[in-house]
PDB file of N, CA and C in Angstrom:
ATOM      1  N   MET A   1     254.997 198.407  43.077  1.00  0.00           N
ATOM      2  CA  MET A   1     255.224 198.082  44.463  1.00  0.00           C
ATOM      3  C   MET A   1     256.265 196.969  44.521  1.00  0.00           C
ATOM      4  N   LYS A   2     257.251 197.147  45.424  1.00  0.00           N
ATOM      5  CA  LYS A   2     258.321 196.179  45.556  1.00  0.00           C
ATOM      6  C   LYS A   2     258.575 195.854  47.020  1.00  0.00           C
ATOM      7  N   LEU A   3     258.852 194.578  47.308  1.00  0.00           N
ATOM      8  CA  LEU A   3     259.242 194.183  48.655  1.00  0.00           C
ATOM      9  C   LEU A   3     260.674 194.622  48.909  1.00  0.00           C
ATOM     10  N   ASN A   4     260.989 194.904  50.169  1.00  0.00           N
ATOM     11  CA  ASN A   4     262.373 195.170  50.546  1.00  0.00           C
ATOM     12  C   ASN A   4     263.220 193.952  50.250  1.00  0.00           C
ATOM     13  N   LYS A   5     264.519 194.157  50.122  1.00  0.00           N
ATOM     14  CA  LYS A   5     265.420 193.023  49.949  1.00  0.00           C
ATOM     15  C   LYS A   5     265.241 192.081  51.137  1.00  0.00           C
ATOM     16  N   ALA A   6     265.189 190.797  50.859  1.00  0.00           N
ATOM     17  CA  ALA A   6     264.958 189.807  51.908  1.00  0.00           C
ATOM     18  C   ALA A   6     265.993 189.895  53.014  1.00  0.00           C
ATOM     19  N   SER A   7     267.211 190.210  52.665  1.00  0.00           N
ATOM     20  CA  SER A   7     268.277 190.276  53.667  1.00  0.00           C
ATOM     21  C   SER A   7     268.130 191.473  54.611  1.00  0.00           C
ATOM     22  N   ASN A   8     267.294 192.438  54.262  1.00  0.00           N
ATOM     23  CA  ASN A   8     267.109 193.628  55.098  1.00  0.00           C
ATOM     24  C   ASN A   8     265.880 193.565  56.004  1.00  0.00           C
ATOM     25  N   VAL A   9     265.130 192.481  55.943  1.00  0.00           N
ATOM     26  CA  VAL A   9     263.884 192.376  56.714  1.00  0.00           C
ATOM     27  C   VAL A   9     264.178 191.917  58.145  1.00  0.00           C
ATOM     28  N   SER A  10     263.613 192.624  59.116  1.00  0.00           N
ATOM     29  CA  SER A  10     263.699 192.216  60.518  1.00  0.00           C
ATOM     30  C   SER A  10     262.609 191.178  60.769  1.00  0.00           C
ATOM     31  N   THR A  11     262.992 189.916  60.724  1.00  0.00           N
ATOM     32  CA  THR A  11     261.983 188.865  60.809  1.00  0.00           C
ATOM     33  C   THR A  11     261.350 188.752  62.190  1.00  0.00           C
ATOM     34  N   ALA A  12     262.059 189.158  63.228  1.00  0.00           N
ATOM     35  CA  ALA A  12     261.460 189.121  64.565  1.00  0.00           C
ATOM     36  C   ALA A  12     260.239 190.039  64.618  1.00  0.00           C
ATOM     37  N   THR A  13     260.363 191.203  64.020  1.00  0.00           N
ATOM     38  CA  THR A  13     259.251 192.155  63.975  1.00  0.00           C
ATOM     39  C   THR A  13     258.105 191.615  63.136  1.00  0.00           C
ATOM     40  N   VAL A  14     258.438 191.029  62.007  1.00  0.00           N
ATOM     41  CA  VAL A  14     257.422 190.480  61.105  1.00  0.00           C
ATOM     42  C   VAL A  14     256.671 189.330  61.773  1.00  0.00           C
ATOM     43  N   VAL A  15     257.396 188.464  62.473  1.00  0.00           N
ATOM     44  CA  VAL A  15     256.775 187.329  63.174  1.00  0.00           C
ATOM     45  C   VAL A  15     255.801 187.831  64.236  1.00  0.00           C
ATOM     46  N   ALA A  16     256.237 188.779  65.052  1.00  0.00           N
ATOM     47  CA  ALA A  16     255.359 189.321  66.092  1.00  0.00           C
ATOM     48  C   ALA A  16     254.130 189.996  65.473  1.00  0.00           C
ATOM     49  N   ALA A  17     254.353 190.754  64.408  1.00  0.00           N
ATOM     50  CA  ALA A  17     253.232 191.428  63.743  1.00  0.00           C
ATOM     51  C   ALA A  17     252.242 190.428  63.161  1.00  0.00           C
ATOM     52  N   GLY A  18     252.740 189.332  62.599  1.00  0.00           N
ATOM     53  CA  GLY A  18     251.859 188.323  62.015  1.00  0.00           C
ATOM     54  C   GLY A  18     250.992 187.629  63.055  1.00  0.00           C
ATOM     55  N   LEU A  19     251.601 187.249  64.172  1.00  0.00           N
ATOM     56  CA  LEU A  19     250.847 186.551  65.216  1.00  0.00           C
ATOM     57  C   LEU A  19     249.854 187.487  65.914  1.00  0.00           C
ATOM     58  N   ILE A  20     250.322 188.658  66.285  1.00  0.00           N
ATOM     59  CA  ILE A  20     249.428 189.613  66.962  1.00  0.00           C
ATOM     60  C   ILE A  20     248.387 190.160  65.986  1.00  0.00           C
ATOM     61  N   GLY A  21     248.818 190.484  64.768  1.00  0.00           N
ATOM     62  CA  GLY A  21     247.886 191.003  63.761  1.00  0.00           C
ATOM     63  C   GLY A  21     246.829 189.991  63.364  1.00  0.00           C
ATOM     64  N   GLY A  22     247.222 188.730  63.265  1.00  0.00           N
ATOM     65  CA  GLY A  22     246.251 187.682  62.948  1.00  0.00           C
ATOM     66  C   GLY A  22     245.202 187.546  64.033  1.00  0.00           C
ATOM     67  N   TRP A  23     245.660 187.573  65.281  1.00  0.00           N
ATOM     68  CA  TRP A  23     244.727 187.462  66.406  1.00  0.00           C
ATOM     69  C   TRP A  23     243.780 188.662  66.443  1.00  0.00           C
ATOM     70  N   LEU A  24     244.344 189.860  66.291  1.00  0.00           N
ATOM     71  CA  LEU A  24     243.491 191.061  66.322  1.00  0.00           C
ATOM     72  C   LEU A  24     242.498 191.095  65.168  1.00  0.00           C
ATOM     73  N   THR A  25     242.930 190.679  63.991  1.00  0.00           N
ATOM     74  CA  THR A  25     242.037 190.658  62.839  1.00  0.00           C
ATOM     75  C   THR A  25     240.871 189.706  63.081  1.00  0.00           C
ATOM     76  N   ALA A  26     241.177 188.524  63.585  1.00  0.00           N
ATOM     77  CA  ALA A  26     240.121 187.544  63.871  1.00  0.00           C
ATOM     78  C   ALA A  26     239.179 188.058  64.965  1.00  0.00           C
ATOM     79  N   ARG A  27     239.750 188.628  66.001  1.00  0.00           N
ATOM     80  CA  ARG A  27     238.943 189.103  67.133  1.00  0.00           C
ATOM     81  C   ARG A  27     238.047 190.272  66.747  1.00  0.00           C
ATOM     82  N   GLU A  28     238.620 191.248  66.080  1.00  0.00           N
ATOM     83  CA  GLU A  28     237.861 192.458  65.774  1.00  0.00           C
ATOM     84  C   GLU A  28     236.867 192.271  64.635  1.00  0.00           C
ATOM     85  N   SER A  29     237.161 191.373  63.706  1.00  0.00           N
ATOM     86  CA  SER A  29     236.223 191.142  62.599  1.00  0.00           C
ATOM     87  C   SER A  29     235.117 190.172  63.001  1.00  0.00           C
ATOM     88  N   GLY A  30     235.420 189.323  63.986  1.00  0.00           N
ATOM     89  CA  GLY A  30     234.470 188.279  64.356  1.00  0.00           C
ATOM     90  C   GLY A  30     234.499 187.097  63.394  1.00  0.00           C
ATOM     91  N   ILE A  31     235.411 187.145  62.435  1.00  0.00           N
ATOM     92  CA  ILE A  31     235.542 186.076  61.442  1.00  0.00           C
ATOM     93  C   ILE A  31     236.932 185.463  61.631  1.00  0.00           C
ATOM     94  N   ARG A  32     236.989 184.359  62.361  1.00  0.00           N
ATOM     95  CA  ARG A  32     238.284 183.771  62.712  1.00  0.00           C
ATOM     96  C   ARG A  32     239.172 183.464  61.513  1.00  0.00           C
ATOM     97  N   PRO A  33     238.639 182.899  60.420  1.00  0.00           N
ATOM     98  CA  PRO A  33     239.522 182.599  59.287  1.00  0.00           C
ATOM     99  C   PRO A  33     240.189 183.834  58.675  1.00  0.00           C
ATOM    100  N   LEU A  34     239.605 185.004  58.875  1.00  0.00           N
ATOM    101  CA  LEU A  34     240.196 186.233  58.355  1.00  0.00           C
ATOM    102  C   LEU A  34     241.564 186.515  58.988  1.00  0.00           C
ATOM    103  N   GLY A  35     241.770 186.006  60.184  1.00  0.00           N
ATOM    104  CA  GLY A  35     243.048 186.180  60.874  1.00  0.00           C
ATOM    105  C   GLY A  35     244.204 185.480  60.188  1.00  0.00           C
ATOM    106  N   THR A  36     243.898 184.545  59.299  1.00  0.00           N
ATOM    107  CA  THR A  36     244.987 183.852  58.595  1.00  0.00           C
ATOM    108  C   THR A  36     245.650 184.737  57.543  1.00  0.00           C
ATOM    109  N   ILE A  37     245.007 185.808  57.141  1.00  0.00           N
ATOM    110  CA  ILE A  37     245.595 186.676  56.112  1.00  0.00           C
ATOM    111  C   ILE A  37     246.881 187.343  56.616  1.00  0.00           C
ATOM    112  N   PRO A  38     246.841 188.084  57.740  1.00  0.00           N
ATOM    113  CA  PRO A  38     248.109 188.659  58.217  1.00  0.00           C
ATOM    114  C   PRO A  38     249.091 187.582  58.676  1.00  0.00           C
ATOM    115  N   LEU A  39     248.584 186.490  59.217  1.00  0.00           N
ATOM    116  CA  LEU A  39     249.445 185.388  59.651  1.00  0.00           C
ATOM    117  C   LEU A  39     250.205 184.799  58.467  1.00  0.00           C
ATOM    118  N   ALA A  40     249.515 184.518  57.383  1.00  0.00           N
ATOM    119  CA  ALA A  40     250.150 183.927  56.199  1.00  0.00           C
ATOM    120  C   ALA A  40     251.073 184.919  55.495  1.00  0.00           C
ATOM    121  N   ALA A  41     250.646 186.170  55.379  1.00  0.00           N
ATOM    122  CA  ALA A  41     251.476 187.184  54.710  1.00  0.00           C
ATOM    123  C   ALA A  41     252.783 187.397  55.465  1.00  0.00           C
ATOM    124  N   SER A  42     252.702 187.475  56.769  1.00  0.00           N
ATOM    125  CA  SER A  42     253.907 187.643  57.578  1.00  0.00           C
ATOM    126  C   SER A  42     254.783 186.399  57.525  1.00  0.00           C
ATOM    127  N   GLY A  43     254.158 185.238  57.531  1.00  0.00           N
ATOM    128  CA  GLY A  43     254.918 183.991  57.419  1.00  0.00           C
ATOM    129  C   GLY A  43     255.678 183.917  56.114  1.00  0.00           C
ATOM    130  N   TYR A  44     255.044 184.339  55.037  1.00  0.00           N
ATOM    131  CA  TYR A  44     255.713 184.354  53.732  1.00  0.00           C
ATOM    132  C   TYR A  44     256.898 185.314  53.739  1.00  0.00           C
ATOM    133  N   LEU A  45     256.677 186.523  54.240  1.00  0.00           N
ATOM    134  CA  LEU A  45     257.728 187.536  54.252  1.00  0.00           C
ATOM    135  C   LEU A  45     258.918 187.090  55.102  1.00  0.00           C
ATOM    136  N   ALA A  46     258.631 186.521  56.265  1.00  0.00           N
ATOM    137  CA  ALA A  46     259.712 186.039  57.134  1.00  0.00           C
ATOM    138  C   ALA A  46     260.435 184.861  56.494  1.00  0.00           C
ATOM    139  N   ALA A  47     259.695 183.912  55.937  1.00  0.00           N
ATOM    140  CA  ALA A  47     260.315 182.725  55.331  1.00  0.00           C
ATOM    141  C   ALA A  47     261.197 183.115  54.146  1.00  0.00           C
ATOM    142  N   ARG A  48     260.774 184.074  53.386  1.00  0.00           N
ATOM    143  CA  ARG A  48     261.574 184.560  52.260  1.00  0.00           C
ATOM    144  C   ARG A  48     262.922 185.089  52.763  1.00  0.00           C
ATOM    145  N   SER A  49     262.874 185.804  53.849  1.00  0.00           N
ATOM    146  CA  SER A  49     264.086 186.365  54.436  1.00  0.00           C
ATOM    147  C   SER A  49     264.968 185.279  55.057  1.00  0.00           C
ATOM    148  N   TRP A  50     264.347 184.367  55.809  1.00  0.00           N
ATOM    149  CA  TRP A  50     265.118 183.284  56.428  1.00  0.00           C
ATOM    150  C   TRP A  50     265.826 182.455  55.367  1.00  0.00           C
ATOM    151  N   ASN A  51     265.132 182.201  54.275  1.00  0.00           N
ATOM    152  CA  ASN A  51     265.716 181.384  53.217  1.00  0.00           C
ATOM    153  C   ASN A  51     266.950 182.059  52.620  1.00  0.00           C
ATOM    154  N   GLU A  52     266.869 183.362  52.403  1.00  0.00           N
ATOM    155  CA  GLU A  52     268.028 184.062  51.847  1.00  0.00           C
ATOM    156  C   GLU A  52     269.174 184.130  52.853  1.00  0.00           C
ATOM    157  N   LYS A  53     268.834 184.383  54.125  1.00  0.00           N
ATOM    158  CA  LYS A  53     269.878 184.553  55.142  1.00  0.00           C
ATOM    159  C   LYS A  53     270.483 183.233  55.608  1.00  0.00           C
ATOM    160  N   LYS A  54     269.661 182.197  55.763  1.00  0.00           N
ATOM    161  CA  LYS A  54     270.105 180.982  56.441  1.00  0.00           C
ATOM    162  C   LYS A  54     269.896 179.683  55.669  1.00  0.00           C
ATOM    163  N   GLY A  55     269.149 179.719  54.581  1.00  0.00           N
ATOM    164  CA  GLY A  55     268.930 178.518  53.794  1.00  0.00           C
ATOM    165  C   GLY A  55     267.646 177.786  54.148  1.00  0.00           C
ATOM    166  N   PRO A  56     267.323 176.748  53.370  1.00  0.00           N
ATOM    167  CA  PRO A  56     266.034 176.067  53.515  1.00  0.00           C
ATOM    168  C   PRO A  56     265.854 175.282  54.813  1.00  0.00           C
ATOM    169  N   ALA A  57     266.906 174.691  55.348  1.00  0.00           N
ATOM    170  CA  ALA A  57     266.752 173.893  56.578  1.00  0.00           C
ATOM    171  C   ALA A  57     266.366 174.784  57.759  1.00  0.00           C
ATOM    172  N   VAL A  58     267.056 175.903  57.913  1.00  0.00           N
ATOM    173  CA  VAL A  58     266.723 176.834  59.000  1.00  0.00           C
ATOM    174  C   VAL A  58     265.349 177.450  58.760  1.00  0.00           C
ATOM    175  N   THR A  59     265.053 177.745  57.511  1.00  0.00           N
ATOM    176  CA  THR A  59     263.735 178.293  57.171  1.00  0.00           C
ATOM    177  C   THR A  59     262.629 177.342  57.607  1.00  0.00           C
ATOM    178  N   ALA A  60     262.801 176.067  57.324  1.00  0.00           N
ATOM    179  CA  ALA A  60     261.792 175.070  57.711  1.00  0.00           C
ATOM    180  C   ALA A  60     261.616 175.027  59.233  1.00  0.00           C
ATOM    181  N   GLY A  61     262.721 175.087  59.949  1.00  0.00           N
ATOM    182  CA  GLY A  61     262.647 175.065  61.409  1.00  0.00           C
ATOM    183  C   GLY A  61     261.967 176.297  61.981  1.00  0.00           C
ATOM    184  N   LEU A  62     262.335 177.461  61.477  1.00  0.00           N
ATOM    185  CA  LEU A  62     261.729 178.703  61.966  1.00  0.00           C
ATOM    186  C   LEU A  62     260.263 178.814  61.566  1.00  0.00           C
ATOM    187  N   LEU A  63     259.931 178.336  60.380  1.00  0.00           N
ATOM    188  CA  LEU A  63     258.536 178.339  59.949  1.00  0.00           C
ATOM    189  C   LEU A  63     257.704 177.386  60.806  1.00  0.00           C
ATOM    190  N   ALA A  64     258.287 176.243  61.152  1.00  0.00           N
ATOM    191  CA  ALA A  64     257.597 175.307  62.054  1.00  0.00           C
ATOM    192  C   ALA A  64     257.377 175.942  63.423  1.00  0.00           C
ATOM    193  N   ALA A  65     258.359 176.694  63.908  1.00  0.00           N
ATOM    194  CA  ALA A  65     258.205 177.378  65.192  1.00  0.00           C
ATOM    195  C   ALA A  65     257.119 178.453  65.115  1.00  0.00           C
ATOM    196  N   TYR A  66     257.059 179.153  63.999  1.00  0.00           N
ATOM    197  CA  TYR A  66     256.045 180.205  63.797  1.00  0.00           C
ATOM    198  C   TYR A  66     254.635 179.599  63.801  1.00  0.00           C
ATOM    199  N   VAL A  67     254.453 178.563  63.024  1.00  0.00           N
ATOM    200  CA  VAL A  67     253.146 177.888  62.968  1.00  0.00           C
ATOM    201  C   VAL A  67     252.841 177.223  64.313  1.00  0.00           C
ATOM    202  N   GLY A  68     253.875 176.657  64.936  1.00  0.00           N
ATOM    203  CA  GLY A  68     253.697 176.036  66.249  1.00  0.00           C
ATOM    204  C   GLY A  68     253.279 177.042  67.306  1.00  0.00           C
ATOM    205  N   ALA A  69     253.822 178.255  67.231  1.00  0.00           N
ATOM    206  CA  ALA A  69     253.436 179.307  68.182  1.00  0.00           C
ATOM    207  C   ALA A  69     251.955 179.642  68.026  1.00  0.00           C
ATOM    208  N   PHE A  70     251.523 179.718  66.770  1.00  0.00           N
ATOM    209  CA  PHE A  70     250.104 179.958  66.510  1.00  0.00           C
ATOM    210  C   PHE A  70     249.256 178.848  67.124  1.00  0.00           C
ATOM    211  N   GLY A  71     249.657 177.602  66.898  1.00  0.00           N
ATOM    212  CA  GLY A  71     248.913 176.467  67.447  1.00  0.00           C
ATOM    213  C   GLY A  71     248.944 176.425  68.965  1.00  0.00           C
ATOM    214  N   LEU A  72     250.077 176.770  69.562  1.00  0.00           N
ATOM    215  CA  LEU A  72     250.216 176.750  71.018  1.00  0.00           C
ATOM    216  C   LEU A  72     249.380 177.829  71.684  1.00  0.00           C
ATOM    217  N   SER A  73     249.144 178.921  70.986  1.00  0.00           N
ATOM    218  CA  SER A  73     248.401 180.024  71.600  1.00  0.00           C
ATOM    219  C   SER A  73     246.973 179.632  71.961  1.00  0.00           C
ATOM    220  N   HIS A  74     246.395 178.701  71.221  1.00  0.00           N
ATOM    221  CA  HIS A  74     245.006 178.317  71.481  1.00  0.00           C
ATOM    222  C   HIS A  74     244.834 177.576  72.811  1.00  0.00           C
ATOM    223  N   PRO A  75     245.558 176.495  73.072  1.00  0.00           N
ATOM    224  CA  PRO A  75     245.393 175.848  74.380  1.00  0.00           C
ATOM    225  C   PRO A  75     245.927 176.716  75.526  1.00  0.00           C
ATOM    226  N   LEU A  76     246.954 177.500  75.262  1.00  0.00           N
ATOM    227  CA  LEU A  76     247.495 178.382  76.294  1.00  0.00           C
ATOM    228  C   LEU A  76     246.474 179.447  76.681  1.00  0.00           C
ATOM    229  N   ALA A  77     245.681 179.899  75.716  1.00  0.00           N
ATOM    230  CA  ALA A  77     244.664 180.918  75.987  1.00  0.00           C
ATOM    231  C   ALA A  77     243.629 180.425  76.997  1.00  0.00           C
ATOM    232  N   LYS A  78     243.365 179.129  77.003  1.00  0.00           N
ATOM    233  CA  LYS A  78     242.398 178.579  77.966  1.00  0.00           C
ATOM    234  C   LYS A  78     242.936 178.626  79.389  1.00  0.00           C
ATOM    235  N   LYS A  79     244.272 178.660  79.514  1.00  0.00           N
ATOM    236  CA  LYS A  79     244.878 178.676  80.845  1.00  0.00           C
ATOM    237  C   LYS A  79     245.162 180.089  81.345  1.00  0.00           C
ATOM    238  N   ILE A  80     245.642 180.973  80.459  1.00  0.00           N
ATOM    239  CA  ILE A  80     246.066 182.299  80.928  1.00  0.00           C
ATOM    240  C   ILE A  80     245.301 183.451  80.277  1.00  0.00           C
ATOM    241  N   GLY A  81     244.436 183.160  79.327  1.00  0.00           N
ATOM    242  CA  GLY A  81     243.677 184.200  78.639  1.00  0.00           C
ATOM    243  C   GLY A  81     244.224 184.453  77.250  1.00  0.00           C
ATOM    244  N   ALA A  82     243.387 184.988  76.393  1.00  0.00           N
ATOM    245  CA  ALA A  82     243.745 185.159  74.990  1.00  0.00           C
ATOM    246  C   ALA A  82     244.887 186.150  74.788  1.00  0.00           C
ATOM    247  N   TRP A  83     244.738 187.346  75.333  1.00  0.00           N
ATOM    248  CA  TRP A  83     245.753 188.374  75.109  1.00  0.00           C
ATOM    249  C   TRP A  83     247.116 187.963  75.682  1.00  0.00           C
ATOM    250  N   PRO A  84     247.199 187.487  76.938  1.00  0.00           N
ATOM    251  CA  PRO A  84     248.504 187.056  77.456  1.00  0.00           C
ATOM    252  C   PRO A  84     249.103 185.902  76.650  1.00  0.00           C
ATOM    253  N   SER A  85     248.255 185.024  76.169  1.00  0.00           N
ATOM    254  CA  SER A  85     248.730 183.900  75.364  1.00  0.00           C
ATOM    255  C   SER A  85     249.354 184.377  74.061  1.00  0.00           C
ATOM    256  N   VAL A  86     248.682 185.274  73.378  1.00  0.00           N
ATOM    257  CA  VAL A  86     249.193 185.792  72.102  1.00  0.00           C
ATOM    258  C   VAL A  86     250.502 186.542  72.323  1.00  0.00           C
ATOM    259  N   ILE A  87     250.583 187.321  73.371  1.00  0.00           N
ATOM    260  CA  ILE A  87     251.814 188.062  73.672  1.00  0.00           C
ATOM    261  C   ILE A  87     252.947 187.078  73.982  1.00  0.00           C
ATOM    262  N   ALA A  88     252.668 186.058  74.766  1.00  0.00           N
ATOM    263  CA  ALA A  88     253.706 185.093  75.150  1.00  0.00           C
ATOM    264  C   ALA A  88     254.262 184.339  73.945  1.00  0.00           C
ATOM    265  N   VAL A  89     253.385 183.808  73.102  1.00  0.00           N
ATOM    266  CA  VAL A  89     253.880 183.037  71.955  1.00  0.00           C
ATOM    267  C   VAL A  89     254.542 183.949  70.921  1.00  0.00           C
ATOM    268  N   SER A  90     254.036 185.174  70.786  1.00  0.00           N
ATOM    269  CA  SER A  90     254.643 186.123  69.852  1.00  0.00           C
ATOM    270  C   SER A  90     256.052 186.495  70.314  1.00  0.00           C
ATOM    271  N   ALA A  91     256.202 186.739  71.592  1.00  0.00           N
ATOM    272  CA  ALA A  91     257.517 187.073  72.140  1.00  0.00           C
ATOM    273  C   ALA A  91     258.492 185.914  71.956  1.00  0.00           C
ATOM    274  N   GLY A  92     258.029 184.702  72.207  1.00  0.00           N
ATOM    275  CA  GLY A  92     258.897 183.538  72.051  1.00  0.00           C
ATOM    276  C   GLY A  92     259.324 183.322  70.606  1.00  0.00           C
ATOM    277  N   ALA A  93     258.376 183.390  69.687  1.00  0.00           N
ATOM    278  CA  ALA A  93     258.685 183.177  68.270  1.00  0.00           C
ATOM    279  C   ALA A  93     259.563 184.302  67.725  1.00  0.00           C
ATOM    280  N   ALA A  94     259.294 185.536  68.146  1.00  0.00           N
ATOM    281  CA  ALA A  94     260.105 186.663  67.694  1.00  0.00           C
ATOM    282  C   ALA A  94     261.526 186.571  68.245  1.00  0.00           C
ATOM    283  N   ALA A  95     261.661 186.167  69.499  1.00  0.00           N
ATOM    284  CA  ALA A  95     262.993 186.009  70.094  1.00  0.00           C
ATOM    285  C   ALA A  95     263.785 184.935  69.352  1.00  0.00           C
ATOM    286  N   LEU A  96     263.141 183.847  69.026  1.00  0.00           N
ATOM    287  CA  LEU A  96     263.812 182.779  68.278  1.00  0.00           C
ATOM    288  C   LEU A  96     264.257 183.283  66.901  1.00  0.00           C
ATOM    289  N   ALA A  97     263.383 183.992  66.210  1.00  0.00           N
ATOM    290  CA  ALA A  97     263.734 184.545  64.896  1.00  0.00           C
ATOM    291  C   ALA A  97     264.905 185.518  65.015  1.00  0.00           C
ATOM    292  N   TYR A  98     264.909 186.316  66.050  1.00  0.00           N
ATOM    293  CA  TYR A  98     266.000 187.262  66.238  1.00  0.00           C
ATOM    294  C   TYR A  98     267.325 186.545  66.478  1.00  0.00           C
ATOM    295  N   VAL A  99     267.316 185.591  67.380  1.00  0.00           N
ATOM    296  CA  VAL A  99     268.558 184.890  67.730  1.00  0.00           C
ATOM    297  C   VAL A  99     269.100 184.087  66.550  1.00  0.00           C
ATOM    298  N   VAL A 100     268.221 183.371  65.863  1.00  0.00           N
ATOM    299  CA  VAL A 100     268.672 182.482  64.777  1.00  0.00           C
ATOM    300  C   VAL A 100     268.964 183.241  63.495  1.00  0.00           C
ATOM    301  N   SER A 101     268.206 184.272  63.186  1.00  0.00           N
ATOM    302  CA  SER A 101     268.330 184.902  61.880  1.00  0.00           C
ATOM    303  C   SER A 101     268.759 186.366  61.886  1.00  0.00           C
ATOM    304  N   ASP A 102     268.163 187.172  62.743  1.00  0.00           N
ATOM    305  CA  ASP A 102     268.354 188.619  62.650  1.00  0.00           C
ATOM    306  C   ASP A 102     269.623 189.140  63.321  1.00  0.00           C
ATOM    307  N   SER A 103     270.092 188.466  64.338  1.00  0.00           N
ATOM    308  CA  SER A 103     271.193 189.011  65.135  1.00  0.00           C
ATOM    309  C   SER A 103     272.547 188.946  64.440  1.00  0.00           C
ATOM    310  N   GLN A 104     272.691 188.153  63.401  1.00  0.00           N
ATOM    311  CA  GLN A 104     273.989 188.043  62.723  1.00  0.00           C
ATOM    312  C   GLN A 104     274.239 189.201  61.808  1.00  0.00           C
TER     313      GLN A 104
END
């Protein structure tokens, strides 16, 4: 089994899948820590790609935004609901990944 070349990965898709997949895994399993598996795997895959495409400084910034989106979804969920919160932060983080890394 081999990963795709880092330069060929659509990180916007991976970011959205990690955030939404992590939330769904936690919700459907009833075991919140289990949601970190897709979140961490997607974060690794995206960071690997960002590092190859843009270097370590941009990778650190995008990774901080990815983790920050996860953190922001929790207080936002109390205001607008869990599903809308996850969609909103996923869309924002994916858009940022697309603009900074994927669109070039």
